[in-house]
Amino acid sequence: MGFTGAEETYPFSPQATVFKVRGKIFAIALLDADPPSISLKCEPELAQQLRVDWGAITPGYHLDKRHWNTVVVDGSVPEQLVRDIVEDSYDLVVSALPKRVQQELGWP
C-alpha cells in the first residue's frame, strides 16, 4: 500500500486481497493462507529465471503464466527479493498506463 495510487480491493473473495493502481492489478495476495502467497506481474524473461532460481516461485496461479508468478512466502525467498518483485510488478503496470496518469502518480 506504500505505492502512490495503490488501492486494496476484494473482487474475488474476502481471502484474496487484490492490489491495483488506477484499476489495474499488480498483486493478488492470499494473506490468510498457510503459508501466504502473492501473485505478481513480471517481465517474461525474469519470470522464467525466478522460477528456475527459487522453488517457491511458480507460474501464476490462474493467471497468464508468461507474465505472472506466484511467490509462496515461506521464508525460502529473501524478503528483500519479494519486496523488489512487488515493486517491479507495480512499475510494470504503471509503465503501461497513459503518460498523463504516470505523471499524476509521480512515476519517473
PDB file of N, CA and C in Angstrom:
ATOM      1  N   MET A   1       0.824  -1.204   0.000  1.00  0.00           N
ATOM      2  CA  MET A   1       0.000   0.000   0.000  1.00  0.00           C
ATOM      3  C   MET A   1       0.863   1.261   0.000  1.00  0.00           C
ATOM      4  N   GLY A   2       2.149   1.104   0.067  1.00  0.00           N
ATOM      5  CA  GLY A   2       3.038   2.251   0.087  1.00  0.00           C
ATOM      6  C   GLY A   2       3.293   2.868  -1.273  1.00  0.00           C
ATOM      7  N   PHE A   3       2.736   2.281  -2.317  1.00  0.00           N
ATOM      8  CA  PHE A   3       2.939   2.814  -3.656  1.00  0.00           C
ATOM      9  C   PHE A   3       1.871   3.862  -3.974  1.00  0.00           C
ATOM     10  N   THR A   4       2.289   4.928  -4.622  1.00  0.00           N
ATOM     11  CA  THR A   4       1.369   6.003  -4.975  1.00  0.00           C
ATOM     12  C   THR A   4       0.220   5.464  -5.821  1.00  0.00           C
ATOM     13  N   GLY A   5      -1.009   5.767  -5.402  1.00  0.00           N
ATOM     14  CA  GLY A   5      -2.188   5.369  -6.156  1.00  0.00           C
ATOM     15  C   GLY A   5      -2.641   3.946  -5.920  1.00  0.00           C
ATOM     16  N   ALA A   6      -1.928   3.198  -5.075  1.00  0.00           N
ATOM     17  CA  ALA A   6      -2.301   1.799  -4.822  1.00  0.00           C
ATOM     18  C   ALA A   6      -3.585   1.738  -4.013  1.00  0.00           C
ATOM     19  N   GLU A   7      -4.408   0.753  -4.353  1.00  0.00           N
ATOM     20  CA  GLU A   7      -5.640   0.526  -3.605  1.00  0.00           C
ATOM     21  C   GLU A   7      -5.792  -0.967  -3.341  1.00  0.00           C
ATOM     22  N   GLU A   8      -6.426  -1.278  -2.245  1.00  0.00           N
ATOM     23  CA  GLU A   8      -6.663  -2.659  -1.821  1.00  0.00           C
ATOM     24  C   GLU A   8      -8.131  -2.983  -2.056  1.00  0.00           C
ATOM     25  N   THR A   9      -8.388  -4.062  -2.807  1.00  0.00           N
ATOM     26  CA  THR A   9      -9.766  -4.442  -3.113  1.00  0.00           C
ATOM     27  C   THR A   9      -9.948  -5.940  -2.874  1.00  0.00           C
ATOM     28  N   TYR A  10     -11.200  -6.373  -2.892  1.00  0.00           N
ATOM     29  CA  TYR A  10     -11.541  -7.783  -2.675  1.00  0.00           C
ATOM     30  C   TYR A  10     -12.580  -8.241  -3.697  1.00  0.00           C
ATOM     31  N   PRO A  11     -12.269  -8.182  -4.997  1.00  0.00           N
ATOM     32  CA  PRO A  11     -13.276  -8.512  -6.004  1.00  0.00           C
ATOM     33  C   PRO A  11     -13.573 -10.005  -6.130  1.00  0.00           C
ATOM     34  N   PHE A  12     -12.662 -10.867  -5.691  1.00  0.00           N
ATOM     35  CA  PHE A  12     -12.834 -12.306  -5.873  1.00  0.00           C
ATOM     36  C   PHE A  12     -13.406 -12.984  -4.637  1.00  0.00           C
ATOM     37  N   SER A  13     -12.855 -12.640  -3.472  1.00  0.00           N
ATOM     38  CA  SER A  13     -13.319 -13.204  -2.201  1.00  0.00           C
ATOM     39  C   SER A  13     -12.661 -12.429  -1.066  1.00  0.00           C
ATOM     40  N   PRO A  14     -13.178 -12.554   0.145  1.00  0.00           N
ATOM     41  CA  PRO A  14     -12.554 -11.861   1.273  1.00  0.00           C
ATOM     42  C   PRO A  14     -11.129 -12.373   1.565  1.00  0.00           C
ATOM     43  N   GLN A  15     -10.802 -13.547   1.080  1.00  0.00           N
ATOM     44  CA  GLN A  15      -9.478 -14.121   1.328  1.00  0.00           C
ATOM     45  C   GLN A  15      -8.426 -13.651   0.330  1.00  0.00           C
ATOM     46  N   ALA A  16      -8.849 -13.149  -0.817  1.00  0.00           N
ATOM     47  CA  ALA A  16      -7.910 -12.731  -1.865  1.00  0.00           C
ATOM     48  C   ALA A  16      -7.839 -11.209  -1.915  1.00  0.00           C
ATOM     49  N   THR A  17      -6.743 -10.668  -1.417  1.00  0.00           N
ATOM     50  CA  THR A  17      -6.531  -9.224  -1.443  1.00  0.00           C
ATOM     51  C   THR A  17      -5.919  -8.859  -2.791  1.00  0.00           C
ATOM     52  N   VAL A  18      -6.581  -7.974  -3.512  1.00  0.00           N
ATOM     53  CA  VAL A  18      -6.118  -7.560  -4.834  1.00  0.00           C
ATOM     54  C   VAL A  18      -5.645  -6.116  -4.733  1.00  0.00           C
ATOM     55  N   PHE A  19      -4.396  -5.911  -5.138  1.00  0.00           N
ATOM     56  CA  PHE A  19      -3.818  -4.576  -5.122  1.00  0.00           C
ATOM     57  C   PHE A  19      -3.807  -4.046  -6.547  1.00  0.00           C
ATOM     58  N   LYS A  20      -4.334  -2.828  -6.691  1.00  0.00           N
ATOM     59  CA  LYS A  20      -4.465  -2.207  -8.005  1.00  0.00           C
ATOM     60  C   LYS A  20      -3.875  -0.808  -7.985  1.00  0.00           C
ATOM     61  N   VAL A  21      -3.518  -0.349  -9.165  1.00  0.00           N
ATOM     62  CA  VAL A  21      -3.177   1.051  -9.368  1.00  0.00           C
ATOM     63  C   VAL A  21      -3.978   1.506 -10.579  1.00  0.00           C
ATOM     64  N   ARG A  22      -4.795   2.510 -10.365  1.00  0.00           N
ATOM     65  CA  ARG A  22      -5.675   3.030 -11.403  1.00  0.00           C
ATOM     66  C   ARG A  22      -6.484   1.928 -12.077  1.00  0.00           C
ATOM     67  N   GLY A  23      -6.979   1.005 -11.267  1.00  0.00           N
ATOM     68  CA  GLY A  23      -7.854  -0.051 -11.759  1.00  0.00           C
ATOM     69  C   GLY A  23      -7.150  -1.252 -12.354  1.00  0.00           C
ATOM     70  N   LYS A  24      -5.829  -1.229 -12.414  1.00  0.00           N
ATOM     71  CA  LYS A  24      -5.043  -2.335 -12.988  1.00  0.00           C
ATOM     72  C   LYS A  24      -4.370  -3.129 -11.875  1.00  0.00           C
ATOM     73  N   ILE A  25      -4.519  -4.432 -11.918  1.00  0.00           N
ATOM     74  CA  ILE A  25      -3.978  -5.316 -10.878  1.00  0.00           C
ATOM     75  C   ILE A  25      -2.466  -5.427 -11.007  1.00  0.00           C
ATOM     76  N   PHE A  26      -1.771  -5.256  -9.862  1.00  0.00           N
ATOM     77  CA  PHE A  26      -0.337  -5.535  -9.849  1.00  0.00           C
ATOM     78  C   PHE A  26       0.027  -6.609  -8.831  1.00  0.00           C
ATOM     79  N   ALA A  27      -0.913  -6.996  -7.951  1.00  0.00           N
ATOM     80  CA  ALA A  27      -0.641  -8.065  -6.994  1.00  0.00           C
ATOM     81  C   ALA A  27      -1.947  -8.671  -6.497  1.00  0.00           C
ATOM     82  N   ILE A  28      -1.909  -9.989  -6.299  1.00  0.00           N
ATOM     83  CA  ILE A  28      -3.034 -10.712  -5.691  1.00  0.00           C
ATOM     84  C   ILE A  28      -2.437 -11.526  -4.554  1.00  0.00           C
ATOM     85  N   ALA A  29      -2.880 -11.243  -3.341  1.00  0.00           N
ATOM     86  CA  ALA A  29      -2.279 -11.886  -2.171  1.00  0.00           C
ATOM     87  C   ALA A  29      -3.295 -12.728  -1.418  1.00  0.00           C
ATOM     88  N   LEU A  30      -2.873 -13.921  -1.058  1.00  0.00           N
ATOM     89  CA  LEU A  30      -3.653 -14.793  -0.170  1.00  0.00           C
ATOM     90  C   LEU A  30      -2.941 -14.754   1.173  1.00  0.00           C
ATOM     91  N   LEU A  31      -3.251 -13.717   1.949  1.00  0.00           N
ATOM     92  CA  LEU A  31      -2.519 -13.446   3.182  1.00  0.00           C
ATOM     93  C   LEU A  31      -2.884 -14.385   4.316  1.00  0.00           C
ATOM     94  N   ASP A  32      -4.079 -14.943   4.290  1.00  0.00           N
ATOM     95  CA  ASP A  32      -4.512 -15.850   5.355  1.00  0.00           C
ATOM     96  C   ASP A  32      -4.153 -17.306   5.082  1.00  0.00           C
ATOM     97  N   ALA A  33      -3.589 -17.568   3.908  1.00  0.00           N
ATOM     98  CA  ALA A  33      -3.187 -18.943   3.572  1.00  0.00           C
ATOM     99  C   ALA A  33      -1.990 -19.339   4.440  1.00  0.00           C
ATOM    100  N   ASP A  34      -1.752 -20.624   4.540  1.00  0.00           N
ATOM    101  CA  ASP A  34      -0.615 -21.109   5.322  1.00  0.00           C
ATOM    102  C   ASP A  34       0.241 -22.024   4.457  1.00  0.00           C
ATOM    103  N   PRO A  35       1.324 -21.537   3.901  1.00  0.00           N
ATOM    104  CA  PRO A  35       1.882 -20.186   4.007  1.00  0.00           C
ATOM    105  C   PRO A  35       1.197 -19.220   3.044  1.00  0.00           C
ATOM    106  N   PRO A  36       1.341 -17.921   3.312  1.00  0.00           N
ATOM    107  CA  PRO A  36       0.750 -16.923   2.420  1.00  0.00           C
ATOM    108  C   PRO A  36       1.414 -16.972   1.046  1.00  0.00           C
ATOM    109  N   SER A  37       0.708 -16.458   0.040  1.00  0.00           N
ATOM    110  CA  SER A  37       1.293 -16.359  -1.293  1.00  0.00           C
ATOM    111  C   SER A  37       0.854 -15.053  -1.931  1.00  0.00           C
ATOM    112  N   ILE A  38       1.634 -14.650  -2.927  1.00  0.00           N
ATOM    113  CA  ILE A  38       1.321 -13.420  -3.650  1.00  0.00           C
ATOM    114  C   ILE A  38       1.657 -13.635  -5.121  1.00  0.00           C
ATOM    115  N   SER A  39       0.718 -13.251  -5.987  1.00  0.00           N
ATOM    116  CA  SER A  39       0.934 -13.344  -7.427  1.00  0.00           C
ATOM    117  C   SER A  39       1.276 -11.956  -7.944  1.00  0.00           C
ATOM    118  N   LEU A  40       2.324 -11.910  -8.790  1.00  0.00           N
ATOM    119  CA  LEU A  40       2.850 -10.632  -9.245  1.00  0.00           C
ATOM    120  C   LEU A  40       3.130 -10.654 -10.740  1.00  0.00           C
ATOM    121  N   LYS A  41       2.886  -9.525 -11.369  1.00  0.00           N
ATOM    122  CA  LYS A  41       3.187  -9.381 -12.790  1.00  0.00           C
ATOM    123  C   LYS A  41       4.700  -9.270 -12.945  1.00  0.00           C
ATOM    124  N   CYS A  42       5.219  -9.808 -14.058  1.00  0.00           N
ATOM    125  CA  CYS A  42       6.663  -9.868 -14.230  1.00  0.00           C
ATOM    126  C   CYS A  42       7.013  -9.890 -15.715  1.00  0.00           C
ATOM    127  N   GLU A  43       8.156  -9.327 -16.068  1.00  0.00           N
ATOM    128  CA  GLU A  43       8.667  -9.461 -17.431  1.00  0.00           C
ATOM    129  C   GLU A  43       8.859 -10.948 -17.715  1.00  0.00           C
ATOM    130  N   PRO A  44       8.470 -11.442 -18.878  1.00  0.00           N
ATOM    131  CA  PRO A  44       8.537 -12.880 -19.149  1.00  0.00           C
ATOM    132  C   PRO A  44       9.896 -13.537 -18.903  1.00  0.00           C
ATOM    133  N   GLU A  45      10.976 -12.885 -19.326  1.00  0.00           N
ATOM    134  CA  GLU A  45      12.297 -13.487 -19.148  1.00  0.00           C
ATOM    135  C   GLU A  45      12.664 -13.572 -17.665  1.00  0.00           C
ATOM    136  N   LEU A  46      12.383 -12.510 -16.930  1.00  0.00           N
ATOM    137  CA  LEU A  46      12.671 -12.504 -15.494  1.00  0.00           C
ATOM    138  C   LEU A  46      11.782 -13.509 -14.778  1.00  0.00           C
ATOM    139  N   ALA A  47      10.523 -13.591 -15.184  1.00  0.00           N
ATOM    140  CA  ALA A  47       9.597 -14.545 -14.566  1.00  0.00           C
ATOM    141  C   ALA A  47      10.156 -15.957 -14.658  1.00  0.00           C
ATOM    142  N   GLN A  48      10.628 -16.305 -15.837  1.00  0.00           N
ATOM    143  CA  GLN A  48      11.182 -17.641 -16.056  1.00  0.00           C
ATOM    144  C   GLN A  48      12.428 -17.867 -15.205  1.00  0.00           C
ATOM    145  N   GLN A  49      13.311 -16.877 -15.151  1.00  0.00           N
ATOM    146  CA  GLN A  49      14.553 -17.021 -14.385  1.00  0.00           C
ATOM    147  C   GLN A  49      14.270 -17.171 -12.891  1.00  0.00           C
ATOM    148  N   LEU A  50      13.312 -16.407 -12.384  1.00  0.00           N
ATOM    149  CA  LEU A  50      12.962 -16.510 -10.964  1.00  0.00           C
ATOM    150  C   LEU A  50      12.441 -17.912 -10.637  1.00  0.00           C
ATOM    151  N   ARG A  51      11.690 -18.489 -11.558  1.00  0.00           N
ATOM    152  CA  ARG A  51      11.172 -19.850 -11.346  1.00  0.00           C
ATOM    153  C   ARG A  51      12.299 -20.872 -11.306  1.00  0.00           C
ATOM    154  N   VAL A  52      13.323 -20.647 -12.109  1.00  0.00           N
ATOM    155  CA  VAL A  52      14.477 -21.552 -12.116  1.00  0.00           C
ATOM    156  C   VAL A  52      15.262 -21.418 -10.813  1.00  0.00           C
ATOM    157  N   ASP A  53      15.419 -20.182 -10.351  1.00  0.00           N
ATOM    158  CA  ASP A  53      16.261 -19.903  -9.190  1.00  0.00           C
ATOM    159  C   ASP A  53      15.605 -20.222  -7.845  1.00  0.00           C
ATOM    160  N   TRP A  54      14.296 -20.158  -7.774  1.00  0.00           N
ATOM    161  CA  TRP A  54      13.596 -20.285  -6.494  1.00  0.00           C
ATOM    162  C   TRP A  54      12.422 -21.265  -6.603  1.00  0.00           C
ATOM    163  N   GLY A  55      12.452 -22.308  -5.812  1.00  0.00           N
ATOM    164  CA  GLY A  55      11.383 -23.304  -5.818  1.00  0.00           C
ATOM    165  C   GLY A  55      10.036 -22.760  -5.372  1.00  0.00           C
ATOM    166  N   ALA A  56      10.056 -21.699  -4.563  1.00  0.00           N
ATOM    167  CA  ALA A  56       8.811 -21.117  -4.060  1.00  0.00           C
ATOM    168  C   ALA A  56       8.181 -20.131  -5.037  1.00  0.00           C
ATOM    169  N   ILE A  57       8.815 -19.944  -6.200  1.00  0.00           N
ATOM    170  CA  ILE A  57       8.260 -19.067  -7.233  1.00  0.00           C
ATOM    171  C   ILE A  57       7.849 -19.942  -8.406  1.00  0.00           C
ATOM    172  N   THR A  58       6.562 -19.903  -8.711  1.00  0.00           N
ATOM    173  CA  THR A  58       5.988 -20.757  -9.742  1.00  0.00           C
ATOM    174  C   THR A  58       5.159 -19.913 -10.717  1.00  0.00           C
ATOM    175  N   PRO A  59       4.778 -20.479 -11.864  1.00  0.00           N
ATOM    176  CA  PRO A  59       3.905 -19.732 -12.780  1.00  0.00           C
ATOM    177  C   PRO A  59       2.635 -19.264 -12.065  1.00  0.00           C
ATOM    178  N   GLY A  60       2.152 -18.093 -12.425  1.00  0.00           N
ATOM    179  CA  GLY A  60       0.986 -17.501 -11.776  1.00  0.00           C
ATOM    180  C   GLY A  60      -0.212 -18.428 -11.737  1.00  0.00           C
ATOM    181  N   TYR A  61      -0.758 -18.609 -10.553  1.00  0.00           N
ATOM    182  CA  TYR A  61      -1.914 -19.473 -10.345  1.00  0.00           C
ATOM    183  C   TYR A  61      -3.150 -18.807 -10.945  1.00  0.00           C
ATOM    184  N   HIS A  62      -3.778 -19.467 -11.905  1.00  0.00           N
ATOM    185  CA  HIS A  62      -4.972 -18.965 -12.606  1.00  0.00           C
ATOM    186  C   HIS A  62      -4.725 -17.625 -13.302  1.00  0.00           C
ATOM    187  N   LEU A  63      -3.478 -17.406 -13.761  1.00  0.00           N
ATOM    188  CA  LEU A  63      -3.118 -16.165 -14.435  1.00  0.00           C
ATOM    189  C   LEU A  63      -2.315 -16.504 -15.681  1.00  0.00           C
ATOM    190  N   ASP A  64      -2.051 -15.506 -16.497  1.00  0.00           N
ATOM    191  CA  ASP A  64      -1.224 -15.697 -17.691  1.00  0.00           C
ATOM    192  C   ASP A  64       0.172 -16.109 -17.226  1.00  0.00           C
ATOM    193  N   LYS A  65       0.520 -17.351 -17.445  1.00  0.00           N
ATOM    194  CA  LYS A  65       1.768 -17.925 -16.930  1.00  0.00           C
ATOM    195  C   LYS A  65       3.007 -17.248 -17.507  1.00  0.00           C
ATOM    196  N   ARG A  66       2.871 -16.612 -18.636  1.00  0.00           N
ATOM    197  CA  ARG A  66       4.017 -15.928 -19.243  1.00  0.00           C
ATOM    198  C   ARG A  66       4.361 -14.652 -18.478  1.00  0.00           C
ATOM    199  N   HIS A  67       3.352 -13.971 -17.946  1.00  0.00           N
ATOM    200  CA  HIS A  67       3.551 -12.658 -17.336  1.00  0.00           C
ATOM    201  C   HIS A  67       3.359 -12.617 -15.825  1.00  0.00           C
ATOM    202  N   TRP A  68       2.954 -13.704 -15.210  1.00  0.00           N
ATOM    203  CA  TRP A  68       2.670 -13.692 -13.774  1.00  0.00           C
ATOM    204  C   TRP A  68       3.372 -14.846 -13.059  1.00  0.00           C
ATOM    205  N   ASN A  69       3.895 -14.535 -11.886  1.00  0.00           N
ATOM    206  CA  ASN A  69       4.471 -15.539 -10.993  1.00  0.00           C
ATOM    207  C   ASN A  69       3.712 -15.525  -9.681  1.00  0.00           C
ATOM    208  N   THR A  70       3.652 -16.673  -9.038  1.00  0.00           N
ATOM    209  CA  THR A  70       3.128 -16.763  -7.681  1.00  0.00           C
ATOM    210  C   THR A  70       4.289 -17.099  -6.762  1.00  0.00           C
ATOM    211  N   VAL A  71       4.434 -16.305  -5.705  1.00  0.00           N
ATOM    212  CA  VAL A  71       5.505 -16.490  -4.733  1.00  0.00           C
ATOM    213  C   VAL A  71       4.883 -17.005  -3.442  1.00  0.00           C
ATOM    214  N   VAL A  72       5.316 -18.187  -3.004  1.00  0.00           N
ATOM    215  CA  VAL A  72       4.897 -18.705  -1.708  1.00  0.00           C
ATOM    216  C   VAL A  72       5.825 -18.061  -0.679  1.00  0.00           C
ATOM    217  N   VAL A  73       5.249 -17.333   0.238  1.00  0.00           N
ATOM    218  CA  VAL A  73       6.029 -16.596   1.227  1.00  0.00           C
ATOM    219  C   VAL A  73       6.238 -17.503   2.443  1.00  0.00           C
ATOM    220  N   ASP A  74       7.213 -18.406   2.289  1.00  0.00           N
ATOM    221  CA  ASP A  74       7.503 -19.394   3.332  1.00  0.00           C
ATOM    222  C   ASP A  74       8.881 -19.188   3.957  1.00  0.00           C
ATOM    223  N   GLY A  75       9.520 -18.075   3.615  1.00  0.00           N
ATOM    224  CA  GLY A  75      10.842 -17.774   4.147  1.00  0.00           C
ATOM    225  C   GLY A  75      11.979 -18.251   3.264  1.00  0.00           C
ATOM    226  N   SER A  76      11.692 -19.026   2.238  1.00  0.00           N
ATOM    227  CA  SER A  76      12.758 -19.537   1.382  1.00  0.00           C
ATOM    228  C   SER A  76      13.231 -18.505   0.349  1.00  0.00           C
ATOM    229  N   VAL A  77      12.395 -17.532   0.044  1.00  0.00           N
ATOM    230  CA  VAL A  77      12.776 -16.436  -0.856  1.00  0.00           C
ATOM    231  C   VAL A  77      13.089 -15.234   0.040  1.00  0.00           C
ATOM    232  N   PRO A  78      14.270 -14.634  -0.109  1.00  0.00           N
ATOM    233  CA  PRO A  78      14.619 -13.497   0.750  1.00  0.00           C
ATOM    234  C   PRO A  78      13.562 -12.394   0.704  1.00  0.00           C
ATOM    235  N   GLU A  79      13.276 -11.817   1.855  1.00  0.00           N
ATOM    236  CA  GLU A  79      12.255 -10.779   1.960  1.00  0.00           C
ATOM    237  C   GLU A  79      12.536  -9.615   1.013  1.00  0.00           C
ATOM    238  N   GLN A  80      13.802  -9.233   0.890  1.00  0.00           N
ATOM    239  CA  GLN A  80      14.134  -8.115   0.005  1.00  0.00           C
ATOM    240  C   GLN A  80      13.814  -8.446  -1.450  1.00  0.00           C
ATOM    241  N   LEU A  81      14.026  -9.692  -1.859  1.00  0.00           N
ATOM    242  CA  LEU A  81      13.680 -10.093  -3.229  1.00  0.00           C
ATOM    243  C   LEU A  81      12.177 -10.012  -3.440  1.00  0.00           C
ATOM    244  N   VAL A  82      11.405 -10.461  -2.457  1.00  0.00           N
ATOM    245  CA  VAL A  82       9.945 -10.379  -2.566  1.00  0.00           C
ATOM    246  C   VAL A  82       9.539  -8.913  -2.710  1.00  0.00           C
ATOM    247  N   ARG A  83      10.102  -8.051  -1.879  1.00  0.00           N
ATOM    248  CA  ARG A  83       9.789  -6.613  -1.970  1.00  0.00           C
ATOM    249  C   ARG A  83      10.154  -6.056  -3.350  1.00  0.00           C
ATOM    250  N   ASP A  84      11.308  -6.474  -3.862  1.00  0.00           N
ATOM    251  CA  ASP A  84      11.759  -5.984  -5.169  1.00  0.00           C
ATOM    252  C   ASP A  84      10.814  -6.411  -6.285  1.00  0.00           C
ATOM    253  N   ILE A  85      10.343  -7.652  -6.244  1.00  0.00           N
ATOM    254  CA  ILE A  85       9.467  -8.086  -7.334  1.00  0.00           C
ATOM    255  C   ILE A  85       8.055  -7.522  -7.189  1.00  0.00           C
ATOM    256  N   VAL A  86       7.652  -7.166  -5.970  1.00  0.00           N
ATOM    257  CA  VAL A  86       6.386  -6.442  -5.798  1.00  0.00           C
ATOM    258  C   VAL A  86       6.523  -5.063  -6.445  1.00  0.00           C
ATOM    259  N   GLU A  87       7.636  -4.393  -6.168  1.00  0.00           N
ATOM    260  CA  GLU A  87       7.870  -3.070  -6.755  1.00  0.00           C
ATOM    261  C   GLU A  87       7.972  -3.156  -8.276  1.00  0.00           C
ATOM    262  N   ASP A  88       8.651  -4.195  -8.776  1.00  0.00           N
ATOM    263  CA  ASP A  88       8.741  -4.386 -10.229  1.00  0.00           C
ATOM    264  C   ASP A  88       7.356  -4.574 -10.846  1.00  0.00           C
ATOM    265  N   SER A  89       6.490  -5.309 -10.166  1.00  0.00           N
ATOM    266  CA  SER A  89       5.142  -5.541 -10.665  1.00  0.00           C
ATOM    267  C   SER A  89       4.375  -4.221 -10.762  1.00  0.00           C
ATOM    268  N   TYR A  90       4.452  -3.423  -9.703  1.00  0.00           N
ATOM    269  CA  TYR A  90       3.808  -2.107  -9.698  1.00  0.00           C
ATOM    270  C   TYR A  90       4.340  -1.262 -10.858  1.00  0.00           C
ATOM    271  N   ASP A  91       5.668  -1.206 -10.993  1.00  0.00           N
ATOM    272  CA  ASP A  91       6.280  -0.393 -12.048  1.00  0.00           C
ATOM    273  C   ASP A  91       5.872  -0.877 -13.433  1.00  0.00           C
ATOM    274  N   LEU A  92       5.797  -2.175 -13.613  1.00  0.00           N
ATOM    275  CA  LEU A  92       5.406  -2.734 -14.908  1.00  0.00           C
ATOM    276  C   LEU A  92       3.991  -2.312 -15.278  1.00  0.00           C
ATOM    277  N   VAL A  93       3.095  -2.340 -14.313  1.00  0.00           N
ATOM    278  CA  VAL A  93       1.707  -1.934 -14.559  1.00  0.00           C
ATOM    279  C   VAL A  93       1.626  -0.428 -14.822  1.00  0.00           C
ATOM    280  N   VAL A  94       2.317   0.362 -14.006  1.00  0.00           N
ATOM    281  CA  VAL A  94       2.281   1.823 -14.195  1.00  0.00           C
ATOM    282  C   VAL A  94       2.894   2.208 -15.541  1.00  0.00           C
ATOM    283  N   SER A  95       3.922   1.496 -15.963  1.00  0.00           N
ATOM    284  CA  SER A  95       4.575   1.829 -17.237  1.00  0.00           C
ATOM    285  C   SER A  95       3.634   1.662 -18.424  1.00  0.00           C
ATOM    286  N   ALA A  96       2.586   0.871 -18.265  1.00  0.00           N
ATOM    287  CA  ALA A  96       1.620   0.648 -19.345  1.00  0.00           C
ATOM    288  C   ALA A  96       0.461   1.646 -19.294  1.00  0.00           C
ATOM    289  N   LEU A  97       0.405   2.462 -18.254  1.00  0.00           N
ATOM    290  CA  LEU A  97      -0.653   3.469 -18.142  1.00  0.00           C
ATOM    291  C   LEU A  97      -0.304   4.672 -19.016  1.00  0.00           C
ATOM    292  N   PRO A  98      -1.301   5.474 -19.370  1.00  0.00           N
ATOM    293  CA  PRO A  98      -1.030   6.674 -20.168  1.00  0.00           C
ATOM    294  C   PRO A  98      -0.035   7.604 -19.461  1.00  0.00           C
ATOM    295  N   LYS A  99       0.764   8.311 -20.244  1.00  0.00           N
ATOM    296  CA  LYS A  99       1.792   9.221 -19.701  1.00  0.00           C
ATOM    297  C   LYS A  99       1.185  10.219 -18.714  1.00  0.00           C
ATOM    298  N   ARG A 100       0.001  10.709 -19.004  1.00  0.00           N
ATOM    299  CA  ARG A 100      -0.662  11.667 -18.112  1.00  0.00           C
ATOM    300  C   ARG A 100      -0.869  11.061 -16.740  1.00  0.00           C
ATOM    301  N   VAL A 101      -1.307   9.802 -16.695  1.00  0.00           N
ATOM    302  CA  VAL A 101      -1.546   9.108 -15.431  1.00  0.00           C
ATOM    303  C   VAL A 101      -0.220   8.855 -14.720  1.00  0.00           C
ATOM    304  N   GLN A 102       0.794   8.477 -15.469  1.00  0.00           N
ATOM    305  CA  GLN A 102       2.115   8.276 -14.875  1.00  0.00           C
ATOM    306  C   GLN A 102       2.592   9.556 -14.190  1.00  0.00           C
ATOM    307  N   GLN A 103       2.390  10.683 -14.847  1.00  0.00           N
ATOM    308  CA  GLN A 103       2.785  11.967 -14.274  1.00  0.00           C
ATOM    309  C   GLN A 103       1.984  12.263 -13.007  1.00  0.00           C
ATOM    310  N   GLU A 104       0.676  11.992 -13.029  1.00  0.00           N
ATOM    311  CA  GLU A 104      -0.159  12.217 -11.849  1.00  0.00           C
ATOM    312  C   GLU A 104       0.322  11.379 -10.671  1.00  0.00           C
ATOM    313  N   LEU A 105       0.832  10.186 -10.971  1.00  0.00           N
ATOM    314  CA  LEU A 105       1.323   9.301  -9.919  1.00  0.00           C
ATOM    315  C   LEU A 105       2.741   9.658  -9.485  1.00  0.00           C
ATOM    316  N   GLY A 106       3.373  10.596 -10.205  1.00  0.00           N
ATOM    317  CA  GLY A 106       4.741  10.975  -9.886  1.00  0.00           C
ATOM    318  C   GLY A 106       5.747   9.900 -10.227  1.00  0.00           C
ATOM    319  N   TRP A 107       5.368   9.092 -11.211  1.00  0.00           N
ATOM    320  CA  TRP A 107       6.222   7.975 -11.614  1.00  0.00           C
ATOM    321  C   TRP A 107       7.258   8.466 -12.602  1.00  0.00           C
ATOM    322  N   PRO A 108       8.519   8.072 -12.426  1.00  0.00           N
ATOM    323  CA  PRO A 108       9.580   8.608 -13.297  1.00  0.00           C
ATOM    324  C   PRO A 108       9.466   8.153 -14.742  1.00  0.00           C
TER     325      PRO A 108
END
